[in-house]
Amino acid sequence: MRLLKSTSVKKQPLGQTMVEFALAIPIFLVLFIGIFEIGRLVFTYNAVYSASREAARYAAATDKGTSGIPRYLDCSAIRAAAKNAGILANLTDADIVITYDGGPHNMTSIGTCGAVSETAIILGDRIKVTVNATFRPAVSLGFLHDIPIVATTYRTLIKGLDVNVDGTF
C-alpha cells in the first residue's frame, strides 16, 4: 500500500503577523480617538447651545425671581440658569454675555445686564444671551485643535402687557 503525502497548511511566520499588527494599530487608534473626540465636540456644542437657550428662557419669564427683581434684570440668576444647563461645558460668568436690544426691527443696543434700569426696557425689547466656550481635545493630534463654540439666543421680553377679562389687549 502506498502512503499518500499529507498536504499541510503552510504556517505563517510569527514575525509577519506582528508587522501587520504594528502597521494597522495606529490607523485604528487614530480612528477610535477621532470618533471619541468628535462625539465630545458635539456634546460640548449641545451643552453651550442649551445653556444659551435656557438662560434666555429664564430671563423672558414674566414674573419676578427669588431676589424680588424682574427675571430679565437678575443677571446672577440668568447666568446660573446658563451654567446649570451647560454644566458639562464648564462655563464661567465671563463666558456668558447678556445684552438687550430694541427687537428684530430695531437692533439698537439698549445696554448690558447690570447696567440697564427697569425703566429703560419696554414691551417688545429683547434679551440676547451669548454663551462662549472652547472645545479642547483630550488627546492632542495634529488635525485636532481648540475649537471656539458660540451660541446666541434672543427672546422678546413681555413687560407691561395688560390683559382684560374679556381676552382683549
Protein backbone atom coordinates (compact mmCIF):
# COMPACT_ATOMS: atom_id res chain seq x y z
CA MET A 1 0.00 0.00 0.00
CA ARG A 2 1.26 3.33 -0.93
CA LEU A 3 1.26 6.17 1.62
CA LEU A 4 -0.05 9.46 0.48
CA LYS A 5 1.78 12.54 1.41
CA SER A 6 -0.38 14.67 3.61
CA THR A 7 -0.84 18.21 2.46
CA SER A 8 -0.47 20.54 5.37
CA VAL A 9 -1.21 24.23 5.54
CA LYS A 10 1.84 26.40 5.41
CA LYS A 11 2.40 28.18 8.69
CA GLN A 12 2.90 31.92 8.55
CA PRO A 13 6.00 33.17 10.21
CA LEU A 14 5.20 34.82 13.53
CA GLY A 15 7.09 37.95 12.59
CA GLN A 16 4.75 38.72 9.69
CA THR A 17 1.71 38.88 11.99
CA MET A 18 3.49 41.27 14.32
CA VAL A 19 4.48 43.55 11.43
CA GLU A 20 0.91 43.63 10.09
CA PHE A 21 -0.40 44.40 13.58
CA ALA A 22 2.17 47.18 14.01
CA LEU A 23 1.09 48.74 10.72
CA ALA A 24 -2.65 48.51 11.37
CA ILE A 25 -2.92 49.53 15.04
CA PRO A 26 -2.03 53.24 14.56
CA ILE A 27 -4.77 53.59 11.95
CA PHE A 28 -7.34 52.01 14.26
CA LEU A 29 -6.23 54.13 17.23
CA VAL A 30 -6.45 57.39 15.27
CA LEU A 31 -9.89 56.38 14.00
CA PHE A 32 -11.06 55.47 17.51
CA ILE A 33 -9.70 58.67 19.08
CA GLY A 34 -11.17 60.76 16.26
CA ILE A 35 -14.64 59.28 16.78
CA PHE A 36 -14.34 59.85 20.54
CA GLU A 37 -13.26 63.49 20.11
CA ILE A 38 -15.97 64.28 17.54
CA GLY A 39 -18.52 62.88 20.00
CA ARG A 40 -17.15 65.15 22.73
CA LEU A 41 -17.26 68.13 20.35
CA VAL A 42 -20.93 67.52 19.53
CA PHE A 43 -21.72 67.07 23.22
CA THR A 44 -19.95 70.33 24.14
CA TYR A 45 -21.75 72.21 21.35
CA ASN A 46 -25.08 70.88 22.60
CA ALA A 47 -24.27 71.96 26.18
CA VAL A 48 -23.34 75.51 25.07
CA TYR A 49 -26.44 75.83 22.86
CA SER A 50 -28.70 74.58 25.68
CA ALA A 51 -27.09 76.98 28.15
CA SER A 52 -27.83 79.97 25.91
CA ARG A 53 -31.40 78.84 25.29
CA GLU A 54 -32.22 78.15 28.95
CA ALA A 55 -30.74 81.44 30.16
CA ALA A 56 -32.83 83.41 27.64
CA ARG A 57 -35.93 81.37 28.51
CA TYR A 58 -35.42 82.09 32.22
CA ALA A 59 -34.98 85.83 31.55
CA ALA A 60 -38.07 86.05 29.32
CA ALA A 61 -40.38 84.76 32.07
CA THR A 62 -42.75 87.49 33.22
CA ASP A 63 -42.62 87.12 36.98
CA LYS A 64 -40.06 88.28 39.50
CA GLY A 65 -37.28 85.94 40.56
CA THR A 66 -36.44 84.84 44.09
CA SER A 67 -34.43 88.05 44.58
CA GLY A 68 -37.56 90.18 44.06
CA ILE A 69 -36.40 91.89 40.87
CA PRO A 70 -37.68 91.09 37.37
CA ARG A 71 -36.07 87.99 35.91
CA TYR A 72 -34.76 89.82 32.86
CA LEU A 73 -32.69 92.08 35.14
CA ASP A 74 -31.45 89.36 37.52
CA CYS A 75 -28.01 88.84 35.97
CA SER A 76 -26.77 86.31 38.52
CA ALA A 77 -29.89 84.14 38.14
CA ILE A 78 -29.67 84.28 34.33
CA ARG A 79 -26.01 83.21 34.48
CA ALA A 80 -26.89 80.48 36.99
CA ALA A 81 -29.55 79.15 34.60
CA ALA A 82 -26.96 79.06 31.80
CA LYS A 83 -24.35 77.32 33.96
CA ASN A 84 -26.90 74.82 35.20
CA ALA A 85 -27.98 73.88 31.66
CA GLY A 86 -24.42 73.77 30.34
CA ILE A 87 -22.83 72.20 33.39
CA LEU A 88 -20.55 69.89 31.43
CA ALA A 89 -19.17 72.76 29.31
CA ASN A 90 -17.52 74.23 32.45
CA LEU A 91 -18.93 77.73 31.91
CA THR A 92 -17.85 80.74 33.93
CA ASP A 93 -19.57 84.11 34.34
CA ALA A 94 -17.16 85.59 31.77
CA ASP A 95 -18.41 83.07 29.18
CA ILE A 96 -21.99 84.40 29.42
CA VAL A 97 -22.76 87.81 27.87
CA ILE A 98 -26.22 89.30 28.46
CA THR A 99 -27.38 92.34 26.47
CA TYR A 100 -30.65 93.97 25.47
CA ASP A 101 -31.82 95.44 22.15
CA GLY A 102 -34.94 97.05 20.71
CA GLY A 103 -36.26 93.96 18.94
CA PRO A 104 -35.96 92.43 15.50
CA HIS A 105 -36.87 95.69 13.72
CA ASN A 106 -34.69 97.89 15.92
CA MET A 107 -31.39 96.17 16.68
CA THR A 108 -30.10 99.22 18.58
CA SER A 109 -28.40 98.09 21.76
CA ILE A 110 -30.04 99.20 25.00
CA GLY A 111 -27.16 98.03 27.18
CA THR A 112 -25.74 95.11 29.11
CA CYS A 113 -27.12 93.27 32.09
CA GLY A 114 -26.34 95.13 35.29
CA ALA A 115 -26.06 98.49 33.51
CA VAL A 116 -29.72 98.77 32.40
CA SER A 117 -32.55 100.07 34.57
CA GLU A 118 -36.05 98.62 34.62
CA THR A 119 -37.45 101.79 33.02
CA ALA A 120 -35.07 101.54 30.02
CA ILE A 121 -36.73 98.31 28.86
CA ILE A 122 -40.16 98.46 27.26
CA LEU A 123 -42.61 95.91 25.88
CA GLY A 124 -41.12 94.28 22.77
CA ASP A 125 -37.45 94.73 23.65
CA ARG A 126 -35.32 91.61 23.52
CA ILE A 127 -32.74 89.95 25.68
CA LYS A 128 -29.71 88.48 23.95
CA VAL A 129 -27.74 85.75 25.72
CA THR A 130 -24.43 84.73 24.15
CA VAL A 131 -22.50 81.81 25.58
CA ASN A 132 -18.87 81.25 24.57
CA ALA A 133 -16.83 78.12 25.20
CA THR A 134 -13.74 76.46 23.78
CA PHE A 135 -13.57 72.77 22.95
CA ARG A 136 -10.17 71.40 23.88
CA PRO A 137 -9.35 67.90 22.62
CA ALA A 138 -8.40 65.40 25.31
CA VAL A 139 -5.77 63.88 23.03
CA SER A 140 -3.54 66.19 21.03
CA LEU A 141 -3.40 65.01 17.44
CA GLY A 142 -2.13 67.05 14.51
CA PHE A 143 -5.57 67.58 13.00
CA LEU A 144 -7.46 68.42 16.23
CA HIS A 145 -7.10 71.92 17.65
CA ASP A 146 -9.03 74.11 20.09
CA ILE A 147 -12.41 74.99 18.57
CA PRO A 148 -14.39 78.04 19.76
CA ILE A 149 -18.13 77.43 20.21
CA VAL A 150 -20.56 80.36 20.36
CA ALA A 151 -24.34 80.17 20.79
CA THR A 152 -26.63 83.21 20.82
CA THR A 153 -30.32 83.23 21.72
CA TYR A 154 -32.78 86.13 21.51
CA ARG A 155 -36.06 86.30 23.41
CA THR A 156 -38.67 89.04 23.38
CA LEU A 157 -39.45 90.46 26.81
CA ILE A 158 -43.10 90.73 27.82
CA LYS A 159 -43.29 93.72 30.12
CA GLY A 160 -46.32 95.81 31.00
CA LEU A 161 -48.84 93.88 28.93
CA ASP A 162 -52.37 94.43 30.22
CA VAL A 163 -54.88 91.70 29.52
CA ASN A 164 -58.56 92.47 30.04
CA VAL A 165 -61.01 89.97 31.45
CA ASP A 166 -62.71 89.59 28.05
CA GLY A 167 -59.41 88.49 26.49
CA THR A 168 -58.61 91.72 24.60
CA PHE A 169 -55.36 93.56 24.89
